[in-house]
N, C-alpha and C. Protein backbone atom coordinates (compact mmCIF):
# COMPACT_ATOMS: atom_id res chain seq x y z
N UNK A 1 0.83 -1.19 0.00
CA UNK A 1 0.00 0.00 0.00
C UNK A 1 0.87 1.24 0.00
N UNK A 2 0.26 2.36 0.31
CA UNK A 2 0.92 3.65 0.25
C UNK A 2 0.23 4.59 1.22
N UNK A 3 0.81 5.77 1.36
CA UNK A 3 0.09 6.86 2.01
C UNK A 3 0.22 8.09 1.12
N UNK A 4 -0.92 8.63 0.74
CA UNK A 4 -0.97 9.84 -0.07
C UNK A 4 -1.83 10.85 0.67
N UNK A 5 -1.41 12.11 0.69
CA UNK A 5 -2.15 13.15 1.39
C UNK A 5 -2.30 14.37 0.50
N UNK A 6 -3.38 15.11 0.71
CA UNK A 6 -3.58 16.41 0.06
C UNK A 6 -4.02 17.42 1.11
N UNK A 7 -3.71 18.68 0.85
CA UNK A 7 -4.15 19.76 1.73
C UNK A 7 -4.20 21.05 0.93
N UNK A 8 -4.98 21.99 1.41
CA UNK A 8 -4.98 23.32 0.81
C UNK A 8 -5.12 24.36 1.92
N UNK A 9 -4.36 25.45 1.74
CA UNK A 9 -4.41 26.53 2.72
C UNK A 9 -3.71 27.75 2.12
N UNK A 10 -4.21 28.92 2.45
CA UNK A 10 -3.61 30.18 2.02
C UNK A 10 -3.39 30.23 0.51
N UNK A 11 -4.38 29.73 -0.24
CA UNK A 11 -4.34 29.84 -1.70
C UNK A 11 -3.45 28.84 -2.40
N UNK A 12 -3.00 27.80 -1.72
CA UNK A 12 -2.10 26.81 -2.31
C UNK A 12 -2.64 25.41 -2.03
N UNK A 13 -2.62 24.54 -3.04
CA UNK A 13 -2.93 23.13 -2.84
C UNK A 13 -1.62 22.34 -2.84
N UNK A 14 -1.64 21.21 -2.16
CA UNK A 14 -0.42 20.42 -2.03
C UNK A 14 -0.80 18.94 -1.99
N UNK A 15 0.03 18.12 -2.63
CA UNK A 15 -0.13 16.67 -2.59
C UNK A 15 1.22 16.05 -2.27
N UNK A 16 1.21 15.00 -1.47
CA UNK A 16 2.44 14.32 -1.12
C UNK A 16 2.22 12.82 -0.99
N UNK A 17 3.28 12.06 -1.18
CA UNK A 17 3.19 10.61 -1.07
C UNK A 17 4.51 10.04 -0.60
N UNK A 18 4.45 8.86 -0.01
CA UNK A 18 5.67 8.15 0.34
C UNK A 18 6.21 7.47 -0.91
N UNK A 19 7.35 6.82 -0.79
CA UNK A 19 7.99 6.23 -1.97
C UNK A 19 8.35 4.77 -1.80
N UNK A 20 7.75 4.10 -0.82
CA UNK A 20 8.06 2.70 -0.61
C UNK A 20 7.02 1.82 -1.29
N UNK A 21 7.48 0.70 -1.86
CA UNK A 21 6.60 -0.29 -2.46
C UNK A 21 6.66 -1.57 -1.63
N UNK A 22 5.57 -2.34 -1.70
CA UNK A 22 5.52 -3.60 -0.97
C UNK A 22 5.07 -4.73 -1.90
N UNK A 23 5.75 -5.85 -1.80
CA UNK A 23 5.33 -7.09 -2.48
C UNK A 23 5.07 -8.11 -1.39
N UNK A 24 3.83 -8.14 -0.91
CA UNK A 24 3.55 -8.97 0.25
C UNK A 24 4.29 -8.44 1.45
N UNK A 25 5.08 -9.28 2.08
CA UNK A 25 5.86 -8.84 3.23
C UNK A 25 7.20 -8.22 2.84
N UNK A 26 7.52 -8.24 1.53
CA UNK A 26 8.78 -7.67 1.06
C UNK A 26 8.63 -6.17 0.86
N UNK A 27 9.51 -5.41 1.50
CA UNK A 27 9.47 -3.95 1.38
C UNK A 27 10.58 -3.48 0.44
N UNK A 28 10.21 -2.62 -0.51
CA UNK A 28 11.17 -2.06 -1.45
C UNK A 28 11.26 -0.55 -1.19
N UNK A 29 12.31 -0.14 -0.51
CA UNK A 29 12.48 1.28 -0.20
C UNK A 29 13.01 2.04 -1.41
N UNK A 30 12.88 3.35 -1.36
CA UNK A 30 13.12 4.20 -2.52
C UNK A 30 14.53 4.07 -3.09
N UNK A 31 15.53 3.84 -2.24
CA UNK A 31 16.89 3.80 -2.75
C UNK A 31 17.18 2.53 -3.55
N UNK A 32 16.21 1.59 -3.59
CA UNK A 32 16.37 0.40 -4.41
C UNK A 32 15.70 0.54 -5.78
N UNK A 33 14.81 1.49 -5.94
CA UNK A 33 13.93 1.54 -7.11
C UNK A 33 14.08 2.86 -7.84
N UNK A 34 14.12 2.78 -9.17
CA UNK A 34 14.19 4.00 -9.99
C UNK A 34 12.81 4.63 -10.12
N UNK A 35 11.82 3.85 -10.57
CA UNK A 35 10.47 4.37 -10.80
C UNK A 35 9.62 4.21 -9.54
N UNK A 36 9.95 5.01 -8.53
CA UNK A 36 9.33 4.88 -7.21
C UNK A 36 8.15 5.82 -6.99
N UNK A 37 7.91 6.74 -7.93
CA UNK A 37 6.89 7.75 -7.70
C UNK A 37 5.48 7.16 -7.70
N UNK A 38 4.61 7.75 -6.90
CA UNK A 38 3.20 7.38 -6.86
C UNK A 38 2.31 8.54 -7.31
N UNK A 39 2.94 9.60 -7.78
CA UNK A 39 2.22 10.80 -8.20
C UNK A 39 2.57 11.11 -9.65
N UNK A 40 1.56 11.40 -10.45
CA UNK A 40 1.78 11.81 -11.83
C UNK A 40 1.16 13.17 -12.07
N UNK A 41 1.62 13.87 -13.10
CA UNK A 41 1.06 15.18 -13.44
C UNK A 41 0.44 15.09 -14.82
N UNK A 42 -0.83 15.48 -14.92
CA UNK A 42 -1.55 15.51 -16.18
C UNK A 42 -2.05 16.94 -16.37
N UNK A 43 -1.43 17.67 -17.26
CA UNK A 43 -1.75 19.09 -17.41
C UNK A 43 -1.38 19.84 -16.14
N UNK A 44 -2.36 20.53 -15.54
CA UNK A 44 -2.10 21.27 -14.31
C UNK A 44 -2.53 20.49 -13.07
N UNK A 45 -2.74 19.19 -13.23
CA UNK A 45 -3.30 18.37 -12.16
C UNK A 45 -2.32 17.30 -11.71
N UNK A 46 -2.15 17.19 -10.40
CA UNK A 46 -1.36 16.12 -9.80
C UNK A 46 -2.30 15.03 -9.30
N UNK A 47 -2.00 13.78 -9.63
CA UNK A 47 -2.81 12.64 -9.20
C UNK A 47 -1.91 11.62 -8.53
N UNK A 48 -2.26 11.23 -7.32
CA UNK A 48 -1.54 10.19 -6.61
C UNK A 48 -2.43 8.99 -6.41
N UNK A 49 -1.93 7.80 -6.71
CA UNK A 49 -2.74 6.58 -6.63
C UNK A 49 -2.17 5.62 -5.60
N UNK A 50 -3.07 4.95 -4.88
CA UNK A 50 -2.67 3.89 -3.97
C UNK A 50 -2.91 2.55 -4.65
N UNK A 51 -2.51 1.47 -3.99
CA UNK A 51 -2.75 0.15 -4.55
C UNK A 51 -1.62 -0.29 -5.47
N UNK A 52 -1.96 -1.10 -6.47
CA UNK A 52 -0.95 -1.66 -7.36
C UNK A 52 -0.24 -0.57 -8.16
N UNK A 53 1.06 -0.75 -8.36
CA UNK A 53 1.84 0.23 -9.12
C UNK A 53 1.45 0.26 -10.59
N UNK A 54 0.78 -0.80 -11.06
CA UNK A 54 0.34 -0.84 -12.45
C UNK A 54 -0.67 0.26 -12.76
N UNK A 55 -1.42 0.69 -11.74
CA UNK A 55 -2.45 1.70 -11.97
C UNK A 55 -1.86 3.00 -12.50
N UNK A 56 -0.72 3.41 -11.95
CA UNK A 56 -0.10 4.66 -12.40
C UNK A 56 0.46 4.50 -13.82
N UNK A 57 0.98 3.34 -14.15
CA UNK A 57 1.48 3.07 -15.49
C UNK A 57 0.33 3.16 -16.49
N UNK A 58 -0.79 2.54 -16.15
CA UNK A 58 -1.96 2.55 -17.04
C UNK A 58 -2.49 3.96 -17.20
N UNK A 59 -2.59 4.72 -16.11
CA UNK A 59 -3.11 6.09 -16.20
C UNK A 59 -2.22 6.96 -17.07
N UNK A 60 -0.91 6.86 -16.90
CA UNK A 60 0.02 7.65 -17.72
C UNK A 60 -0.10 7.28 -19.19
N UNK A 61 -0.22 5.99 -19.47
CA UNK A 61 -0.33 5.54 -20.86
C UNK A 61 -1.63 6.04 -21.48
N UNK A 62 -2.72 5.94 -20.73
CA UNK A 62 -4.03 6.36 -21.25
C UNK A 62 -4.04 7.85 -21.58
N UNK A 63 -3.58 8.68 -20.65
CA UNK A 63 -3.62 10.12 -20.86
C UNK A 63 -2.49 10.64 -21.74
N UNK A 64 -1.57 9.76 -22.14
CA UNK A 64 -0.53 10.17 -23.08
C UNK A 64 -1.12 10.52 -24.45
N UNK A 65 -2.30 9.99 -24.74
CA UNK A 65 -3.01 10.33 -25.97
C UNK A 65 -3.73 11.67 -25.77
N UNK A 66 -3.29 12.73 -26.44
CA UNK A 66 -3.87 14.05 -26.18
C UNK A 66 -5.33 14.18 -26.60
N UNK A 67 -5.83 13.25 -27.38
CA UNK A 67 -7.21 13.32 -27.83
C UNK A 67 -8.20 12.81 -26.77
N UNK A 68 -7.70 12.16 -25.75
CA UNK A 68 -8.59 11.64 -24.73
C UNK A 68 -8.96 12.74 -23.74
N UNK A 69 -10.26 12.90 -23.46
CA UNK A 69 -10.70 14.01 -22.61
C UNK A 69 -10.16 13.89 -21.20
N UNK A 70 -9.82 15.03 -20.65
CA UNK A 70 -9.37 15.09 -19.27
C UNK A 70 -9.80 16.44 -18.68
N UNK A 71 -10.63 16.39 -17.68
CA UNK A 71 -11.10 17.58 -16.98
C UNK A 71 -11.20 17.21 -15.51
N UNK A 72 -10.37 17.83 -14.68
CA UNK A 72 -10.33 17.52 -13.26
C UNK A 72 -10.73 18.74 -12.42
N UNK A 73 -11.58 19.59 -12.98
CA UNK A 73 -11.89 20.86 -12.34
C UNK A 73 -13.01 20.78 -11.30
N UNK A 74 -13.74 19.69 -11.24
CA UNK A 74 -14.84 19.55 -10.28
C UNK A 74 -15.13 18.07 -10.10
N UNK A 75 -15.96 17.75 -9.12
CA UNK A 75 -16.32 16.34 -8.91
C UNK A 75 -17.07 15.79 -10.11
N UNK A 76 -17.95 16.60 -10.70
CA UNK A 76 -18.70 16.14 -11.87
C UNK A 76 -17.78 15.91 -13.05
N UNK A 77 -16.82 16.81 -13.25
CA UNK A 77 -15.89 16.68 -14.38
C UNK A 77 -14.99 15.47 -14.22
N UNK A 78 -14.54 15.21 -13.00
CA UNK A 78 -13.71 14.03 -12.74
C UNK A 78 -14.49 12.76 -13.04
N UNK A 79 -15.74 12.73 -12.61
CA UNK A 79 -16.57 11.56 -12.90
C UNK A 79 -16.70 11.32 -14.40
N UNK A 80 -16.97 12.37 -15.17
CA UNK A 80 -17.13 12.21 -16.61
C UNK A 80 -15.82 11.80 -17.28
N UNK A 81 -14.71 12.33 -16.79
CA UNK A 81 -13.41 11.96 -17.34
C UNK A 81 -13.16 10.46 -17.19
N UNK A 82 -13.42 9.91 -16.02
CA UNK A 82 -13.14 8.50 -15.79
C UNK A 82 -14.27 7.60 -16.27
N UNK A 83 -15.46 8.14 -16.43
CA UNK A 83 -16.52 7.37 -17.08
C UNK A 83 -16.15 7.09 -18.53
N UNK A 84 -15.60 8.10 -19.19
CA UNK A 84 -15.14 7.92 -20.56
C UNK A 84 -13.94 6.96 -20.60
N UNK A 85 -13.07 7.08 -19.62
CA UNK A 85 -11.86 6.24 -19.60
C UNK A 85 -12.17 4.77 -19.33
N UNK A 86 -13.26 4.50 -18.63
CA UNK A 86 -13.56 3.13 -18.20
C UNK A 86 -13.61 2.15 -19.37
N UNK A 87 -14.28 2.55 -20.45
CA UNK A 87 -14.38 1.68 -21.63
C UNK A 87 -13.01 1.32 -22.17
N UNK A 88 -12.13 2.32 -22.28
CA UNK A 88 -10.80 2.09 -22.86
C UNK A 88 -9.92 1.30 -21.91
N UNK A 89 -10.12 1.47 -20.61
CA UNK A 89 -9.35 0.68 -19.65
C UNK A 89 -9.62 -0.81 -19.83
N UNK A 90 -10.88 -1.15 -20.09
CA UNK A 90 -11.23 -2.55 -20.31
C UNK A 90 -10.72 -3.04 -21.67
N UNK A 91 -10.90 -2.21 -22.69
CA UNK A 91 -10.59 -2.65 -24.06
C UNK A 91 -9.10 -2.71 -24.33
N UNK A 92 -8.35 -1.72 -23.85
CA UNK A 92 -6.93 -1.60 -24.21
C UNK A 92 -5.97 -2.09 -23.12
N UNK A 93 -6.42 -2.03 -21.87
CA UNK A 93 -5.51 -2.36 -20.76
C UNK A 93 -5.96 -3.60 -19.99
N UNK A 94 -7.01 -4.26 -20.48
CA UNK A 94 -7.46 -5.54 -19.91
C UNK A 94 -7.78 -5.42 -18.42
N UNK A 95 -8.35 -4.29 -18.05
CA UNK A 95 -8.70 -4.04 -16.66
C UNK A 95 -9.78 -5.01 -16.20
N UNK A 96 -9.57 -5.61 -15.04
CA UNK A 96 -10.57 -6.48 -14.44
C UNK A 96 -11.56 -5.63 -13.67
N UNK A 97 -12.82 -5.72 -14.02
CA UNK A 97 -13.84 -4.92 -13.34
C UNK A 97 -14.42 -5.65 -12.13
N UNK A 98 -14.02 -6.90 -11.93
CA UNK A 98 -14.42 -7.70 -10.77
C UNK A 98 -15.93 -7.64 -10.52
N UNK A 99 -16.74 -8.04 -11.49
CA UNK A 99 -18.18 -8.02 -11.26
C UNK A 99 -18.59 -9.06 -10.23
N UNK A 100 -19.50 -8.68 -9.37
CA UNK A 100 -20.05 -9.62 -8.39
C UNK A 100 -21.44 -9.14 -8.00
N UNK A 101 -22.15 -9.99 -7.31
CA UNK A 101 -23.51 -9.64 -6.91
C UNK A 101 -23.52 -8.48 -5.91
N UNK A 102 -22.39 -8.27 -5.24
CA UNK A 102 -22.34 -7.21 -4.23
C UNK A 102 -21.98 -5.85 -4.83
N UNK A 103 -21.56 -5.81 -6.09
CA UNK A 103 -21.15 -4.56 -6.72
C UNK A 103 -22.31 -3.95 -7.49
N UNK A 104 -22.59 -2.67 -7.22
CA UNK A 104 -23.65 -1.99 -7.94
C UNK A 104 -23.21 -1.61 -9.35
N UNK A 105 -21.91 -1.31 -9.52
CA UNK A 105 -21.36 -0.89 -10.80
C UNK A 105 -20.01 -1.56 -11.01
N UNK A 106 -19.55 -1.57 -12.25
CA UNK A 106 -18.19 -2.02 -12.52
C UNK A 106 -17.21 -1.02 -11.90
N UNK A 107 -16.07 -1.54 -11.47
CA UNK A 107 -15.07 -0.67 -10.86
C UNK A 107 -13.98 -0.32 -11.86
N UNK A 108 -13.34 0.82 -11.61
CA UNK A 108 -12.26 1.28 -12.48
C UNK A 108 -10.92 1.21 -11.78
N UNK A 109 -10.76 0.46 -10.75
CA UNK A 109 -9.48 0.09 -10.14
C UNK A 109 -8.56 1.26 -9.84
N UNK A 110 -9.10 2.47 -9.76
CA UNK A 110 -8.30 3.63 -9.38
C UNK A 110 -8.82 4.16 -8.04
N UNK A 111 -7.90 4.40 -7.12
CA UNK A 111 -8.26 5.05 -5.87
C UNK A 111 -7.10 5.94 -5.49
N UNK A 112 -7.38 7.21 -5.31
CA UNK A 112 -6.29 8.11 -4.99
C UNK A 112 -6.78 9.52 -4.74
N UNK A 113 -5.84 10.46 -4.81
CA UNK A 113 -6.11 11.86 -4.50
C UNK A 113 -5.64 12.76 -5.62
N UNK A 114 -6.28 13.92 -5.71
CA UNK A 114 -6.01 14.88 -6.78
C UNK A 114 -5.79 16.26 -6.16
N UNK A 115 -4.82 16.99 -6.69
CA UNK A 115 -4.61 18.38 -6.30
C UNK A 115 -4.36 19.19 -7.56
N UNK A 116 -5.05 20.31 -7.68
CA UNK A 116 -4.88 21.18 -8.85
C UNK A 116 -5.37 22.59 -8.53
N UNK A 117 -5.36 23.51 -9.46
CA UNK A 117 -5.80 24.88 -9.16
C UNK A 117 -7.26 24.99 -8.75
N UNK A 118 -8.03 23.94 -8.92
CA UNK A 118 -9.45 23.98 -8.57
C UNK A 118 -9.73 23.43 -7.17
N UNK A 119 -8.74 22.80 -6.54
CA UNK A 119 -8.93 22.28 -5.20
C UNK A 119 -8.30 20.93 -4.99
N UNK A 120 -8.75 20.25 -3.95
CA UNK A 120 -8.23 18.92 -3.61
C UNK A 120 -9.40 17.93 -3.60
N UNK A 121 -9.16 16.74 -4.16
CA UNK A 121 -10.22 15.77 -4.39
C UNK A 121 -9.74 14.36 -4.06
N UNK A 122 -10.71 13.48 -3.78
CA UNK A 122 -10.47 12.05 -3.71
C UNK A 122 -11.15 11.40 -4.90
N UNK A 123 -10.48 10.44 -5.53
CA UNK A 123 -11.02 9.68 -6.65
C UNK A 123 -11.28 8.26 -6.19
N UNK A 124 -12.50 7.77 -6.45
CA UNK A 124 -12.89 6.44 -6.00
C UNK A 124 -13.10 5.49 -7.17
N UNK A 125 -13.16 4.19 -6.87
CA UNK A 125 -13.17 3.18 -7.92
C UNK A 125 -14.45 3.17 -8.75
N UNK A 126 -15.54 3.75 -8.22
CA UNK A 126 -16.75 3.86 -9.02
C UNK A 126 -16.75 5.13 -9.88
N UNK A 127 -15.57 5.76 -9.99
CA UNK A 127 -15.36 6.96 -10.81
C UNK A 127 -15.89 8.23 -10.17
N UNK A 128 -16.48 8.12 -9.00
CA UNK A 128 -16.97 9.29 -8.30
C UNK A 128 -15.82 10.01 -7.61
N UNK A 129 -16.06 11.25 -7.21
CA UNK A 129 -15.04 12.04 -6.56
C UNK A 129 -15.66 12.85 -5.43
N UNK A 130 -14.84 13.18 -4.44
CA UNK A 130 -15.23 14.10 -3.39
C UNK A 130 -14.23 15.24 -3.35
N UNK A 131 -14.72 16.44 -3.04
CA UNK A 131 -13.84 17.59 -2.89
C UNK A 131 -13.78 17.98 -1.42
N UNK A 132 -12.61 18.43 -0.97
CA UNK A 132 -12.40 18.72 0.44
C UNK A 132 -12.00 20.19 0.65
N UNK A 133 -12.35 20.71 1.83
CA UNK A 133 -12.04 22.10 2.16
C UNK A 133 -10.61 22.26 2.66
N UNK A 134 -10.12 21.27 3.45
CA UNK A 134 -8.84 21.46 4.13
C UNK A 134 -7.81 20.39 3.77
N UNK A 135 -8.11 19.13 3.99
CA UNK A 135 -7.12 18.08 3.76
C UNK A 135 -7.82 16.74 3.68
N UNK A 136 -7.08 15.74 3.18
CA UNK A 136 -7.56 14.35 3.20
C UNK A 136 -6.37 13.43 2.96
N UNK A 137 -6.60 12.13 3.16
CA UNK A 137 -5.53 11.16 2.97
C UNK A 137 -6.12 9.85 2.43
N UNK A 138 -5.28 9.06 1.80
CA UNK A 138 -5.66 7.76 1.27
C UNK A 138 -4.52 6.79 1.47
N UNK A 139 -4.85 5.51 1.53
CA UNK A 139 -3.83 4.49 1.66
C UNK A 139 -3.77 3.88 3.05
N UNK A 140 -2.81 3.01 3.24
CA UNK A 140 -2.74 2.23 4.47
C UNK A 140 -2.40 3.07 5.70
N UNK A 141 -1.73 4.20 5.49
CA UNK A 141 -1.39 5.08 6.62
C UNK A 141 -2.36 6.23 6.79
N UNK A 142 -3.52 6.13 6.16
CA UNK A 142 -4.48 7.23 6.13
C UNK A 142 -4.87 7.74 7.52
N UNK A 143 -5.22 6.83 8.42
CA UNK A 143 -5.73 7.26 9.73
C UNK A 143 -4.68 8.05 10.51
N UNK A 144 -3.43 7.61 10.45
CA UNK A 144 -2.37 8.33 11.14
C UNK A 144 -2.16 9.72 10.52
N UNK A 145 -2.19 9.77 9.19
CA UNK A 145 -2.00 11.04 8.50
C UNK A 145 -3.11 12.02 8.81
N UNK A 146 -4.35 11.54 8.81
CA UNK A 146 -5.49 12.42 9.08
C UNK A 146 -5.39 13.01 10.50
N UNK A 147 -5.03 12.19 11.45
CA UNK A 147 -4.91 12.69 12.82
C UNK A 147 -3.83 13.75 12.95
N UNK A 148 -2.71 13.53 12.31
CA UNK A 148 -1.61 14.50 12.39
C UNK A 148 -1.98 15.81 11.70
N UNK A 149 -2.62 15.73 10.54
CA UNK A 149 -2.98 16.95 9.82
C UNK A 149 -4.06 17.74 10.56
N UNK A 150 -4.99 17.03 11.19
CA UNK A 150 -6.00 17.69 12.00
C UNK A 150 -5.35 18.47 13.14
N UNK A 151 -4.31 17.89 13.73
CA UNK A 151 -3.65 18.52 14.87
C UNK A 151 -2.92 19.80 14.47
N UNK A 152 -2.27 19.81 13.31
CA UNK A 152 -1.42 20.95 12.96
C UNK A 152 -2.11 21.96 12.04
N UNK A 153 -3.25 21.63 11.47
CA UNK A 153 -3.80 22.45 10.38
C UNK A 153 -4.00 23.91 10.78
N UNK A 154 -4.65 24.18 11.88
CA UNK A 154 -4.97 25.56 12.24
C UNK A 154 -3.73 26.38 12.58
N UNK A 155 -2.70 25.74 13.14
CA UNK A 155 -1.50 26.48 13.55
C UNK A 155 -0.51 26.67 12.40
N UNK A 156 -0.47 25.75 11.47
CA UNK A 156 0.55 25.79 10.41
C UNK A 156 0.21 26.87 9.39
N UNK A 157 1.21 27.63 9.00
CA UNK A 157 1.04 28.63 7.95
C UNK A 157 1.28 28.02 6.57
N UNK A 158 2.20 27.07 6.50
CA UNK A 158 2.58 26.47 5.23
C UNK A 158 1.80 25.18 4.99
N UNK A 159 1.20 25.07 3.81
CA UNK A 159 0.47 23.84 3.48
C UNK A 159 1.43 22.66 3.34
N UNK A 160 2.67 22.94 2.97
CA UNK A 160 3.67 21.87 2.87
C UNK A 160 3.94 21.26 4.25
N UNK A 161 3.95 22.10 5.27
CA UNK A 161 4.16 21.58 6.63
C UNK A 161 3.01 20.67 7.06
N UNK A 162 1.80 20.99 6.63
CA UNK A 162 0.65 20.16 6.95
C UNK A 162 0.78 18.79 6.29
N UNK A 163 1.16 18.79 5.03
CA UNK A 163 1.34 17.54 4.30
C UNK A 163 2.48 16.73 4.91
N UNK A 164 3.58 17.38 5.26
CA UNK A 164 4.70 16.66 5.87
C UNK A 164 4.30 16.04 7.20
N UNK A 165 3.48 16.73 7.97
CA UNK A 165 3.03 16.18 9.26
C UNK A 165 2.25 14.89 9.04
N UNK A 166 1.39 14.88 8.04
CA UNK A 166 0.63 13.68 7.75
C UNK A 166 1.50 12.53 7.31
N UNK A 167 2.43 12.81 6.40
CA UNK A 167 3.30 11.75 5.90
C UNK A 167 4.25 11.23 6.97
N UNK A 168 4.78 12.12 7.80
CA UNK A 168 5.68 11.69 8.86
C UNK A 168 4.97 10.79 9.87
N UNK A 169 3.72 11.13 10.20
CA UNK A 169 2.97 10.30 11.14
C UNK A 169 2.70 8.92 10.54
N UNK A 170 2.34 8.88 9.26
CA UNK A 170 2.08 7.60 8.60
C UNK A 170 3.35 6.76 8.55
N UNK A 171 4.48 7.38 8.22
CA UNK A 171 5.74 6.63 8.15
C UNK A 171 6.18 6.11 9.51
N UNK A 172 5.80 6.83 10.56
CA UNK A 172 6.18 6.42 11.91
C UNK A 172 5.41 5.17 12.37
N UNK A 173 4.14 5.07 11.96
CA UNK A 173 3.29 4.03 12.55
C UNK A 173 2.77 2.98 11.56
N UNK A 174 2.80 3.26 10.26
CA UNK A 174 2.28 2.32 9.27
C UNK A 174 3.43 1.56 8.63
N UNK A 175 3.35 0.23 8.65
CA UNK A 175 4.45 -0.60 8.15
C UNK A 175 4.61 -0.52 6.64
N UNK A 176 3.62 -0.02 5.90
CA UNK A 176 3.70 0.05 4.44
C UNK A 176 4.01 1.45 3.94
N UNK A 177 4.46 2.33 4.82
CA UNK A 177 4.76 3.71 4.45
C UNK A 177 6.17 4.06 4.89
N UNK A 178 6.95 4.67 3.99
CA UNK A 178 8.31 5.10 4.35
C UNK A 178 8.76 6.21 3.43
N UNK A 179 9.61 7.10 3.97
CA UNK A 179 10.20 8.16 3.18
C UNK A 179 11.33 7.63 2.31
N UNK A 180 11.92 8.52 1.51
CA UNK A 180 11.61 9.95 1.43
C UNK A 180 10.25 10.21 0.78
N UNK A 181 9.78 11.45 0.92
CA UNK A 181 8.48 11.81 0.41
C UNK A 181 8.61 12.68 -0.85
N UNK A 182 7.61 12.57 -1.70
CA UNK A 182 7.50 13.45 -2.85
C UNK A 182 6.34 14.41 -2.59
N UNK A 183 6.59 15.70 -2.73
CA UNK A 183 5.58 16.73 -2.41
C UNK A 183 5.55 17.75 -3.54
N UNK A 184 4.33 18.07 -3.99
CA UNK A 184 4.13 19.04 -5.07
C UNK A 184 3.05 20.04 -4.67
N UNK A 185 3.21 21.27 -5.12
CA UNK A 185 2.24 22.32 -4.82
C UNK A 185 1.79 23.02 -6.09
N UNK A 186 0.62 23.65 -6.02
CA UNK A 186 0.18 24.54 -7.09
C UNK A 186 -0.74 25.60 -6.50
N UNK A 187 -0.80 26.74 -7.15
CA UNK A 187 -1.64 27.83 -6.68
C UNK A 187 -3.10 27.56 -7.01
N UNK A 188 -3.97 27.87 -6.06
CA UNK A 188 -5.40 27.79 -6.33
C UNK A 188 -5.82 28.88 -7.31
N UNK A 189 -6.72 28.56 -8.22
CA UNK A 189 -7.31 29.57 -9.08
C UNK A 189 -8.11 30.54 -8.22
N UNK A 190 -8.21 31.78 -8.67
CA UNK A 190 -8.90 32.79 -7.88
C UNK A 190 -10.32 32.36 -7.52
N UNK A 191 -11.01 31.72 -8.46
CA UNK A 191 -12.40 31.32 -8.22
C UNK A 191 -12.51 30.24 -7.15
N UNK A 192 -11.42 29.51 -6.90
CA UNK A 192 -11.46 28.42 -5.94
C UNK A 192 -11.01 28.85 -4.55
N UNK A 193 -10.47 30.05 -4.43
CA UNK A 193 -9.98 30.50 -3.13
C UNK A 193 -11.15 30.87 -2.23
N UNK A 194 -11.07 30.51 -0.94
CA UNK A 194 -12.16 30.84 -0.02
C UNK A 194 -12.29 32.34 0.17
N UNK A 195 -13.52 32.80 0.32
CA UNK A 195 -13.75 34.22 0.54
C UNK A 195 -13.27 34.62 1.92
N UNK A 196 -12.60 35.77 2.00
CA UNK A 196 -12.14 36.27 3.29
C UNK A 196 -13.30 36.93 4.02
N UNK A 197 -13.36 36.70 5.31
CA UNK A 197 -14.43 37.31 6.10
C UNK A 197 -14.22 38.81 6.21
N UNK A 198 -15.29 39.55 6.05
CA UNK A 198 -15.20 41.00 6.16
C UNK A 198 -14.95 41.40 7.60
N UNK A 199 -14.11 42.41 7.79
CA UNK A 199 -13.81 42.90 9.14
C UNK A 199 -14.96 43.75 9.65
N UNK A 200 -15.31 43.53 10.90
CA UNK A 200 -16.39 44.32 11.50
C UNK A 200 -15.86 45.67 11.92
N UNK A 201 -16.64 46.68 11.62
CA UNK A 201 -16.26 48.03 12.05
C UNK A 201 -16.85 48.32 13.41
N UNK A 202 -16.02 48.88 14.26
CA UNK A 202 -16.48 49.18 15.62
C UNK A 202 -17.14 50.55 15.66
């Protein structure tokens, strides 16, 4: 597994991930592996995926075709982007949708986080997305990361420090998470920035 975190504060979004891979009980730390990243950039959007490393390879290959639609500006746009991708994932990449009586829809085997000028989002296997106001985390170290980011969020001025707090906590307590970390930032678009509260006149 992995730990991936996103946060936004003071007009900046940030995404970070650990760099360790696991094959069962075998741990592959970053200094052993060249292609250790769990985060990719598509246009102005950073996407980090948990789970099998093949998912990032497939996503990069799919979006390498410039004719394929990609819009990550809202939860609805993310859904439509991956709804379109689902057909090609099955046809070209032999994606297993794992149909069963318990599944309402076919799955798209992607689970991760997104950070871009429009905000921070979680991407789920049914192609749906959620958008967050402050921070979120995904992966095996998620609970530790969420607790750490909750603790430091209001006091921290730098969004990078918030992300580092989450990743450091996950690496400390989760056996499938280890540094070094990869961290990327981008400025929020003006339309996505929270409105400042007006000062009261005495």
